[in-house]
PDB file of N, CA and C in Angstrom:
ATOM      1  N   MET A   1       4.550 -32.033  -7.318  1.00  0.00           N
ATOM      2  CA  MET A   1       4.945 -31.672  -5.971  1.00  0.00           C
ATOM      3  C   MET A   1       3.746 -31.780  -5.048  1.00  0.00           C
ATOM      4  N   GLN A   2       3.909 -32.436  -3.936  1.00  0.00           N
ATOM      5  CA  GLN A   2       2.828 -32.617  -2.983  1.00  0.00           C
ATOM      6  C   GLN A   2       2.660 -31.349  -2.163  1.00  0.00           C
ATOM      7  N   GLU A   3       1.406 -30.902  -2.038  1.00  0.00           N
ATOM      8  CA  GLU A   3       1.127 -29.697  -1.277  1.00  0.00           C
ATOM      9  C   GLU A   3       0.910 -30.050   0.185  1.00  0.00           C
ATOM     10  N   LEU A   4       1.478 -29.243   1.067  1.00  0.00           N
ATOM     11  CA  LEU A   4       1.316 -29.459   2.493  1.00  0.00           C
ATOM     12  C   LEU A   4      -0.084 -29.023   2.910  1.00  0.00           C
ATOM     13  N   PRO A   5      -0.673 -29.683   3.894  1.00  0.00           N
ATOM     14  CA  PRO A   5      -2.012 -29.284   4.344  1.00  0.00           C
ATOM     15  C   PRO A   5      -1.970 -27.925   5.021  1.00  0.00           C
ATOM     16  N   ASN A   6      -3.111 -27.233   4.999  1.00  0.00           N
ATOM     17  CA  ASN A   6      -3.224 -25.953   5.694  1.00  0.00           C
ATOM     18  C   ASN A   6      -3.109 -26.181   7.193  1.00  0.00           C
ATOM     19  N   ALA A   7      -2.611 -25.152   7.872  1.00  0.00           N
ATOM     20  CA  ALA A   7      -2.571 -25.218   9.329  1.00  0.00           C
ATOM     21  C   ALA A   7      -4.006 -25.126   9.829  1.00  0.00           C
ATOM     22  N   ASP A   8      -4.395 -26.061  10.691  1.00  0.00           N
ATOM     23  CA  ASP A   8      -5.752 -25.997  11.228  1.00  0.00           C
ATOM     24  C   ASP A   8      -5.688 -25.612  12.702  1.00  0.00           C
ATOM     25  N   GLU A   9      -6.864 -25.428  13.305  1.00  0.00           N
ATOM     26  CA  GLU A   9      -6.915 -24.953  14.681  1.00  0.00           C
ATOM     27  C   GLU A   9      -6.192 -25.863  15.651  1.00  0.00           C
ATOM     28  N   SER A  10      -6.316 -27.184  15.463  1.00  0.00           N
ATOM     29  CA  SER A  10      -5.650 -28.091  16.402  1.00  0.00           C
ATOM     30  C   SER A  10      -4.138 -27.942  16.332  1.00  0.00           C
ATOM     31  N   ASN A  11      -3.589 -27.747  15.125  1.00  0.00           N
ATOM     32  CA  ASN A  11      -2.148 -27.526  15.001  1.00  0.00           C
ATOM     33  C   ASN A  11      -1.740 -26.235  15.692  1.00  0.00           C
ATOM     34  N   LEU A  12      -2.561 -25.190  15.555  1.00  0.00           N
ATOM     35  CA  LEU A  12      -2.216 -23.913  16.144  1.00  0.00           C
ATOM     36  C   LEU A  12      -2.289 -23.958  17.661  1.00  0.00           C
ATOM     37  N   GLU A  13      -3.256 -24.689  18.206  1.00  0.00           N
ATOM     38  CA  GLU A  13      -3.360 -24.817  19.649  1.00  0.00           C
ATOM     39  C   GLU A  13      -2.167 -25.564  20.222  1.00  0.00           C
ATOM     40  N   GLU A  14      -1.663 -26.538  19.475  1.00  0.00           N
ATOM     41  CA  GLU A  14      -0.510 -27.306  19.913  1.00  0.00           C
ATOM     42  C   GLU A  14       0.778 -26.500  19.808  1.00  0.00           C
ATOM     43  N   ALA A  15       0.806 -25.526  18.930  1.00  0.00           N
ATOM     44  CA  ALA A  15       2.018 -24.733  18.695  1.00  0.00           C
ATOM     45  C   ALA A  15       2.119 -23.640  19.750  1.00  0.00           C
ATOM     46  N   THR A  16       2.667 -23.995  20.882  1.00  0.00           N
ATOM     47  CA  THR A  16       2.714 -23.046  21.977  1.00  0.00           C
ATOM     48  C   THR A  16       4.051 -22.348  22.100  1.00  0.00           C
ATOM     49  N   SER A  17       5.092 -22.955  21.655  1.00  0.00           N
ATOM     50  CA  SER A  17       6.401 -22.330  21.799  1.00  0.00           C
ATOM     51  C   SER A  17       6.674 -21.408  20.611  1.00  0.00           C
ATOM     52  N   PRO A  18       7.515 -20.404  20.828  1.00  0.00           N
ATOM     53  CA  PRO A  18       7.889 -19.518  19.716  1.00  0.00           C
ATOM     54  C   PRO A  18       8.502 -20.284  18.543  1.00  0.00           C
ATOM     55  N   ASP A  19       9.277 -21.324  18.840  1.00  0.00           N
ATOM     56  CA  ASP A  19       9.883 -22.116  17.762  1.00  0.00           C
ATOM     57  C   ASP A  19       8.819 -22.822  16.930  1.00  0.00           C
ATOM     58  N   GLN A  20       7.807 -23.349  17.587  1.00  0.00           N
ATOM     59  CA  GLN A  20       6.734 -24.019  16.855  1.00  0.00           C
ATOM     60  C   GLN A  20       5.953 -23.024  16.002  1.00  0.00           C
ATOM     61  N   MET A  21       5.719 -21.841  16.530  1.00  0.00           N
ATOM     62  CA  MET A  21       5.014 -20.813  15.758  1.00  0.00           C
ATOM     63  C   MET A  21       5.855 -20.393  14.548  1.00  0.00           C
ATOM     64  N   LYS A  22       7.154 -20.268  14.726  1.00  0.00           N
ATOM     65  CA  LYS A  22       8.046 -19.929  13.609  1.00  0.00           C
ATOM     66  C   LYS A  22       7.986 -21.005  12.530  1.00  0.00           C
ATOM     67  N   GLN A  23       7.942 -22.263  12.942  1.00  0.00           N
ATOM     68  CA  GLN A  23       7.861 -23.362  11.979  1.00  0.00           C
ATOM     69  C   GLN A  23       6.565 -23.301  11.190  1.00  0.00           C
ATOM     70  N   LEU A  24       5.455 -23.027  11.872  1.00  0.00           N
ATOM     71  CA  LEU A  24       4.171 -22.903  11.174  1.00  0.00           C
ATOM     72  C   LEU A  24       4.191 -21.739  10.180  1.00  0.00           C
ATOM     73  N   LEU A  25       4.744 -20.625  10.620  1.00  0.00           N
ATOM     74  CA  LEU A  25       4.820 -19.465   9.745  1.00  0.00           C
ATOM     75  C   LEU A  25       5.707 -19.752   8.543  1.00  0.00           C
ATOM     76  N   HIS A  26       6.836 -20.386   8.780  1.00  0.00           N
ATOM     77  CA  HIS A  26       7.751 -20.723   7.690  1.00  0.00           C
ATOM     78  C   HIS A  26       7.068 -21.648   6.683  1.00  0.00           C
ATOM     79  N   ARG A  27       6.337 -22.631   7.168  1.00  0.00           N
ATOM     80  CA  ARG A  27       5.631 -23.554   6.276  1.00  0.00           C
ATOM     81  C   ARG A  27       4.558 -22.824   5.483  1.00  0.00           C
ATOM     82  N   ALA A  28       3.832 -21.938   6.140  1.00  0.00           N
ATOM     83  CA  ALA A  28       2.798 -21.158   5.433  1.00  0.00           C
ATOM     84  C   ALA A  28       3.429 -20.285   4.361  1.00  0.00           C
ATOM     85  N   MET A  29       4.565 -19.682   4.667  1.00  0.00           N
ATOM     86  CA  MET A  29       5.249 -18.848   3.679  1.00  0.00           C
ATOM     87  C   MET A  29       5.683 -19.680   2.473  1.00  0.00           C
ATOM     88  N   GLU A  30       6.196 -20.871   2.723  1.00  0.00           N
ATOM     89  CA  GLU A  30       6.594 -21.750   1.617  1.00  0.00           C
ATOM     90  C   GLU A  30       5.391 -22.121   0.754  1.00  0.00           C
ATOM     91  N   GLN A  31       4.245 -22.313   1.389  1.00  0.00           N
ATOM     92  CA  GLN A  31       3.046 -22.715   0.655  1.00  0.00           C
ATOM     93  C   GLN A  31       2.501 -21.599  -0.220  1.00  0.00           C
ATOM     94  N   VAL A  32       2.542 -20.365   0.253  1.00  0.00           N
ATOM     95  CA  VAL A  32       1.930 -19.267  -0.512  1.00  0.00           C
ATOM     96  C   VAL A  32       2.901 -18.568  -1.458  1.00  0.00           C
ATOM     97  N   ARG A  33       4.171 -18.725  -1.257  1.00  0.00           N
ATOM     98  CA  ARG A  33       5.146 -18.004  -2.079  1.00  0.00           C
ATOM     99  C   ARG A  33       4.941 -18.184  -3.584  1.00  0.00           C
ATOM    100  N   PRO A  34       4.664 -19.381  -4.082  1.00  0.00           N
ATOM    101  CA  PRO A  34       4.493 -19.536  -5.536  1.00  0.00           C
ATOM    102  C   PRO A  34       3.330 -18.723  -6.125  1.00  0.00           C
ATOM    103  N   GLU A  35       2.458 -18.220  -5.284  1.00  0.00           N
ATOM    104  CA  GLU A  35       1.313 -17.444  -5.752  1.00  0.00           C
ATOM    105  C   GLU A  35       1.678 -15.999  -6.107  1.00  0.00           C
ATOM    106  N   PHE A  36       2.894 -15.581  -5.784  1.00  0.00           N
ATOM    107  CA  PHE A  36       3.287 -14.185  -5.953  1.00  0.00           C
ATOM    108  C   PHE A  36       4.495 -14.047  -6.877  1.00  0.00           C
ATOM    109  N   GLU A  37       4.537 -12.924  -7.573  1.00  0.00           N
ATOM    110  CA  GLU A  37       5.692 -12.621  -8.422  1.00  0.00           C
ATOM    111  C   GLU A  37       6.914 -12.345  -7.546  1.00  0.00           C
ATOM    112  N   GLU A  38       8.080 -12.517  -8.127  1.00  0.00           N
ATOM    113  CA  GLU A  38       9.332 -12.362  -7.389  1.00  0.00           C
ATOM    114  C   GLU A  38       9.453 -10.973  -6.752  1.00  0.00           C
ATOM    115  N   LYS A  39       9.135  -9.925  -7.495  1.00  0.00           N
ATOM    116  CA  LYS A  39       9.267  -8.562  -6.965  1.00  0.00           C
ATOM    117  C   LYS A  39       8.313  -8.338  -5.785  1.00  0.00           C
ATOM    118  N   THR A  40       7.112  -8.877  -5.883  1.00  0.00           N
ATOM    119  CA  THR A  40       6.136  -8.758  -4.799  1.00  0.00           C
ATOM    120  C   THR A  40       6.671  -9.443  -3.543  1.00  0.00           C
ATOM    121  N   TRP A  41       7.159 -10.660  -3.720  1.00  0.00           N
ATOM    122  CA  TRP A  41       7.677 -11.409  -2.578  1.00  0.00           C
ATOM    123  C   TRP A  41       8.906 -10.727  -1.983  1.00  0.00           C
ATOM    124  N   ARG A  42       9.772 -10.222  -2.832  1.00  0.00           N
ATOM    125  CA  ARG A  42      10.998  -9.570  -2.355  1.00  0.00           C
ATOM    126  C   ARG A  42      10.665  -8.342  -1.516  1.00  0.00           C
ATOM    127  N   ALA A  43       9.678  -7.558  -1.955  1.00  0.00           N
ATOM    128  CA  ALA A  43       9.262  -6.379  -1.191  1.00  0.00           C
ATOM    129  C   ALA A  43       8.735  -6.799   0.182  1.00  0.00           C
ATOM    130  N   PHE A  44       7.931  -7.853   0.207  1.00  0.00           N
ATOM    131  CA  PHE A  44       7.408  -8.378   1.467  1.00  0.00           C
ATOM    132  C   PHE A  44       8.546  -8.847   2.369  1.00  0.00           C
ATOM    133  N   GLU A  45       9.429  -9.647   1.816  1.00  0.00           N
ATOM    134  CA  GLU A  45      10.526 -10.233   2.586  1.00  0.00           C
ATOM    135  C   GLU A  45      11.444  -9.153   3.158  1.00  0.00           C
ATOM    136  N   ARG A  46      11.794  -8.180   2.323  1.00  0.00           N
ATOM    137  CA  ARG A  46      12.687  -7.102   2.780  1.00  0.00           C
ATOM    138  C   ARG A  46      12.019  -6.275   3.875  1.00  0.00           C
ATOM    139  N   SER A  47      10.709  -6.106   3.772  1.00  0.00           N
ATOM    140  CA  SER A  47       9.972  -5.300   4.740  1.00  0.00           C
ATOM    141  C   SER A  47       9.694  -6.049   6.033  1.00  0.00           C
ATOM    142  N   VAL A  48       9.029  -7.185   5.926  1.00  0.00           N
ATOM    143  CA  VAL A  48       8.543  -7.896   7.107  1.00  0.00           C
ATOM    144  C   VAL A  48       9.622  -8.769   7.740  1.00  0.00           C
ATOM    145  N   VAL A  49      10.312  -9.535   6.944  1.00  0.00           N
ATOM    146  CA  VAL A  49      11.294 -10.483   7.485  1.00  0.00           C
ATOM    147  C   VAL A  49      12.596  -9.770   7.866  1.00  0.00           C
ATOM    148  N   GLU A  50      13.071  -8.896   6.971  1.00  0.00           N
ATOM    149  CA  GLU A  50      14.365  -8.249   7.203  1.00  0.00           C
ATOM    150  C   GLU A  50      14.252  -6.896   7.902  1.00  0.00           C
ATOM    151  N   GLY A  51      13.054  -6.313   7.931  1.00  0.00           N
ATOM    152  CA  GLY A  51      12.823  -5.081   8.669  1.00  0.00           C
ATOM    153  C   GLY A  51      13.325  -3.803   8.028  1.00  0.00           C
ATOM    154  N   HIS A  52      13.506  -3.788   6.718  1.00  0.00           N
ATOM    155  CA  HIS A  52      13.958  -2.576   6.037  1.00  0.00           C
ATOM    156  C   HIS A  52      12.795  -1.594   5.851  1.00  0.00           C
ATOM    157  N   SER A  53      13.129  -0.327   5.710  1.00  0.00           N
ATOM    158  CA  SER A  53      12.089   0.694   5.565  1.00  0.00           C
ATOM    159  C   SER A  53      11.419   0.608   4.194  1.00  0.00           C
ATOM    160  N   THR A  54      10.187   1.058   4.171  1.00  0.00           N
ATOM    161  CA  THR A  54       9.417   1.078   2.930  1.00  0.00           C
ATOM    162  C   THR A  54      10.140   1.897   1.870  1.00  0.00           C
ATOM    163  N   GLN A  55      10.681   3.040   2.270  1.00  0.00           N
ATOM    164  CA  GLN A  55      11.377   3.924   1.326  1.00  0.00           C
ATOM    165  C   GLN A  55      12.609   3.236   0.731  1.00  0.00           C
ATOM    166  N   THR A  56      13.384   2.575   1.559  1.00  0.00           N
ATOM    167  CA  THR A  56      14.587   1.876   1.082  1.00  0.00           C
ATOM    168  C   THR A  56      14.216   0.792   0.068  1.00  0.00           C
ATOM    169  N   ILE A  57      13.197   0.026   0.377  1.00  0.00           N
ATOM    170  CA  ILE A  57      12.757  -1.053  -0.505  1.00  0.00           C
ATOM    171  C   ILE A  57      12.238  -0.489  -1.817  1.00  0.00           C
ATOM    172  N   ALA A  58      11.482   0.603  -1.737  1.00  0.00           N
ATOM    173  CA  ALA A  58      10.948   1.230  -2.943  1.00  0.00           C
ATOM    174  C   ALA A  58      12.073   1.644  -3.889  1.00  0.00           C
ATOM    175  N   VAL A  59      13.115   2.246  -3.339  1.00  0.00           N
ATOM    176  CA  VAL A  59      14.256   2.665  -4.166  1.00  0.00           C
ATOM    177  C   VAL A  59      14.952   1.451  -4.766  1.00  0.00           C
ATOM    178  N   GLU A  60      15.199   0.425  -3.944  1.00  0.00           N
ATOM    179  CA  GLU A  60      15.890  -0.781  -4.417  1.00  0.00           C
ATOM    180  C   GLU A  60      15.141  -1.466  -5.550  1.00  0.00           C
ATOM    181  N   LEU A  61      13.809  -1.518  -5.446  1.00  0.00           N
ATOM    182  CA  LEU A  61      13.012  -2.268  -6.418  1.00  0.00           C
ATOM    183  C   LEU A  61      12.388  -1.390  -7.501  1.00  0.00           C
ATOM    184  N   SER A  62      12.692  -0.095  -7.464  1.00  0.00           N
ATOM    185  CA  SER A  62      12.162   0.861  -8.445  1.00  0.00           C
ATOM    186  C   SER A  62      10.637   0.845  -8.498  1.00  0.00           C
ATOM    187  N   ILE A  63      10.043   0.895  -7.309  1.00  0.00           N
ATOM    188  CA  ILE A  63       8.592   0.977  -7.177  1.00  0.00           C
ATOM    189  C   ILE A  63       8.279   2.060  -6.149  1.00  0.00           C
ATOM    190  N   SER A  64       7.031   2.442  -6.037  1.00  0.00           N
ATOM    191  CA  SER A  64       6.658   3.477  -5.079  1.00  0.00           C
ATOM    192  C   SER A  64       6.527   2.881  -3.677  1.00  0.00           C
ATOM    193  N   PRO A  65       6.680   3.714  -2.650  1.00  0.00           N
ATOM    194  CA  PRO A  65       6.456   3.235  -1.289  1.00  0.00           C
ATOM    195  C   PRO A  65       5.042   2.677  -1.105  1.00  0.00           C
ATOM    196  N   ALA A  66       4.067   3.271  -1.769  1.00  0.00           N
ATOM    197  CA  ALA A  66       2.689   2.768  -1.682  1.00  0.00           C
ATOM    198  C   ALA A  66       2.595   1.348  -2.234  1.00  0.00           C
ATOM    199  N   THR A  67       3.341   1.067  -3.284  1.00  0.00           N
ATOM    200  CA  THR A  67       3.348  -0.275  -3.866  1.00  0.00           C
ATOM    201  C   THR A  67       3.980  -1.274  -2.907  1.00  0.00           C
ATOM    202  N   VAL A  68       5.039  -0.866  -2.235  1.00  0.00           N
ATOM    203  CA  VAL A  68       5.657  -1.738  -1.224  1.00  0.00           C
ATOM    204  C   VAL A  68       4.628  -2.084  -0.159  1.00  0.00           C
ATOM    205  N   ARG A  69       3.911  -1.078   0.338  1.00  0.00           N
ATOM    206  CA  ARG A  69       2.897  -1.320   1.369  1.00  0.00           C
ATOM    207  C   ARG A  69       1.783  -2.224   0.841  1.00  0.00           C
ATOM    208  N   GLN A  70       1.396  -2.019  -0.405  1.00  0.00           N
ATOM    209  CA  GLN A  70       0.346  -2.843  -1.007  1.00  0.00           C
ATOM    210  C   GLN A  70       0.803  -4.297  -1.121  1.00  0.00           C
ATOM    211  N   TYR A  71       2.012  -4.524  -1.599  1.00  0.00           N
ATOM    212  CA  TYR A  71       2.546  -5.886  -1.711  1.00  0.00           C
ATOM    213  C   TYR A  71       2.597  -6.555  -0.342  1.00  0.00           C
ATOM    214  N   ARG A  72       3.107  -5.819   0.640  1.00  0.00           N
ATOM    215  CA  ARG A  72       3.225  -6.364   1.990  1.00  0.00           C
ATOM    216  C   ARG A  72       1.845  -6.756   2.533  1.00  0.00           C
ATOM    217  N   ALA A  73       0.879  -5.876   2.375  1.00  0.00           N
ATOM    218  CA  ALA A  73      -0.474  -6.148   2.874  1.00  0.00           C
ATOM    219  C   ALA A  73      -1.099  -7.342   2.167  1.00  0.00           C
ATOM    220  N   ARG A  74      -0.883  -7.447   0.872  1.00  0.00           N
ATOM    221  CA  ARG A  74      -1.445  -8.557   0.095  1.00  0.00           C
ATOM    222  C   ARG A  74      -0.917  -9.896   0.599  1.00  0.00           C
ATOM    223  N   ILE A  75       0.377  -9.972   0.836  1.00  0.00           N
ATOM    224  CA  ILE A  75       0.960 -11.240   1.287  1.00  0.00           C
ATOM    225  C   ILE A  75       0.579 -11.532   2.740  1.00  0.00           C
ATOM    226  N   LEU A  76       0.564 -10.521   3.582  1.00  0.00           N
ATOM    227  CA  LEU A  76       0.141 -10.742   4.974  1.00  0.00           C
ATOM    228  C   LEU A  76      -1.298 -11.227   5.037  1.00  0.00           C
ATOM    229  N   ARG A  77      -2.164 -10.664   4.211  1.00  0.00           N
ATOM    230  CA  ARG A  77      -3.571 -11.100   4.164  1.00  0.00           C
ATOM    231  C   ARG A  77      -3.655 -12.564   3.744  1.00  0.00           C
ATOM    232  N   ARG A  78      -2.861 -12.939   2.744  1.00  0.00           N
ATOM    233  CA  ARG A  78      -2.860 -14.320   2.267  1.00  0.00           C
ATOM    234  C   ARG A  78      -2.321 -15.268   3.336  1.00  0.00           C
ATOM    235  N   LEU A  79      -1.278 -14.858   4.042  1.00  0.00           N
ATOM    236  CA  LEU A  79      -0.726 -15.687   5.116  1.00  0.00           C
ATOM    237  C   LEU A  79      -1.741 -15.870   6.245  1.00  0.00           C
ATOM    238  N   ARG A  80      -2.469 -14.816   6.561  1.00  0.00           N
ATOM    239  CA  ARG A  80      -3.504 -14.943   7.602  1.00  0.00           C
ATOM    240  C   ARG A  80      -4.554 -15.966   7.213  1.00  0.00           C
ATOM    241  N   ARG A  81      -4.945 -15.945   5.946  1.00  0.00           N
ATOM    242  CA  ARG A  81      -5.914 -16.945   5.483  1.00  0.00           C
ATOM    243  C   ARG A  81      -5.319 -18.348   5.567  1.00  0.00           C
ATOM    244  N   GLN A  82      -4.074 -18.484   5.184  1.00  0.00           N
ATOM    245  CA  GLN A  82      -3.400 -19.779   5.208  1.00  0.00           C
ATOM    246  C   GLN A  82      -3.314 -20.330   6.633  1.00  0.00           C
ATOM    247  N   LEU A  83      -3.078 -19.451   7.576  1.00  0.00           N
ATOM    248  CA  LEU A  83      -2.892 -19.868   8.967  1.00  0.00           C
ATOM    249  C   LEU A  83      -4.202 -19.883   9.751  1.00  0.00           C
ATOM    250  N   GLY A  84      -5.296 -19.598   9.128  1.00  0.00           N
ATOM    251  CA  GLY A  84      -6.574 -19.632   9.826  1.00  0.00           C
ATOM    252  C   GLY A  84      -6.837 -18.387  10.629  1.00  0.00           C
ATOM    253  N   ASP A  85      -6.233 -17.250  10.213  1.00  0.00           N
ATOM    254  CA  ASP A  85      -6.485 -15.944  10.838  1.00  0.00           C
ATOM    255  C   ASP A  85      -6.147 -15.922  12.311  1.00  0.00           C
ATOM    256  N   ILE A  86      -4.940 -16.403  12.636  1.00  0.00           N
ATOM    257  CA  ILE A  86      -4.500 -16.374  14.031  1.00  0.00           C
ATOM    258  C   ILE A  86      -3.880 -15.021  14.342  1.00  0.00           C
ATOM    259  N   ASP A  87      -3.869 -14.659  15.584  1.00  0.00           N
ATOM    260  CA  ASP A  87      -3.199 -13.440  16.047  1.00  0.00           C
ATOM    261  C   ASP A  87      -2.274 -13.749  17.183  1.00  0.00           C
TER     262      ASP A  87
END
């Protein structure tokens, strides 16, 4: 499988519309997802993408709320590195 290139500064400067930013984020998520276990990714997705509470996710996945926060932070940190630490 061919790996997509990392987003670089020129790509980010060109990505001015919300749709373009969503596309970059989606591509970065696809690139980093294989680096994480399914439960880790699911906790991140339920929290960040779907907006569910930490407590709800913890109960669903049989993990502690602290673990949900840790998983979320780990993936967000990795995505920031992938995207060149944009804000």
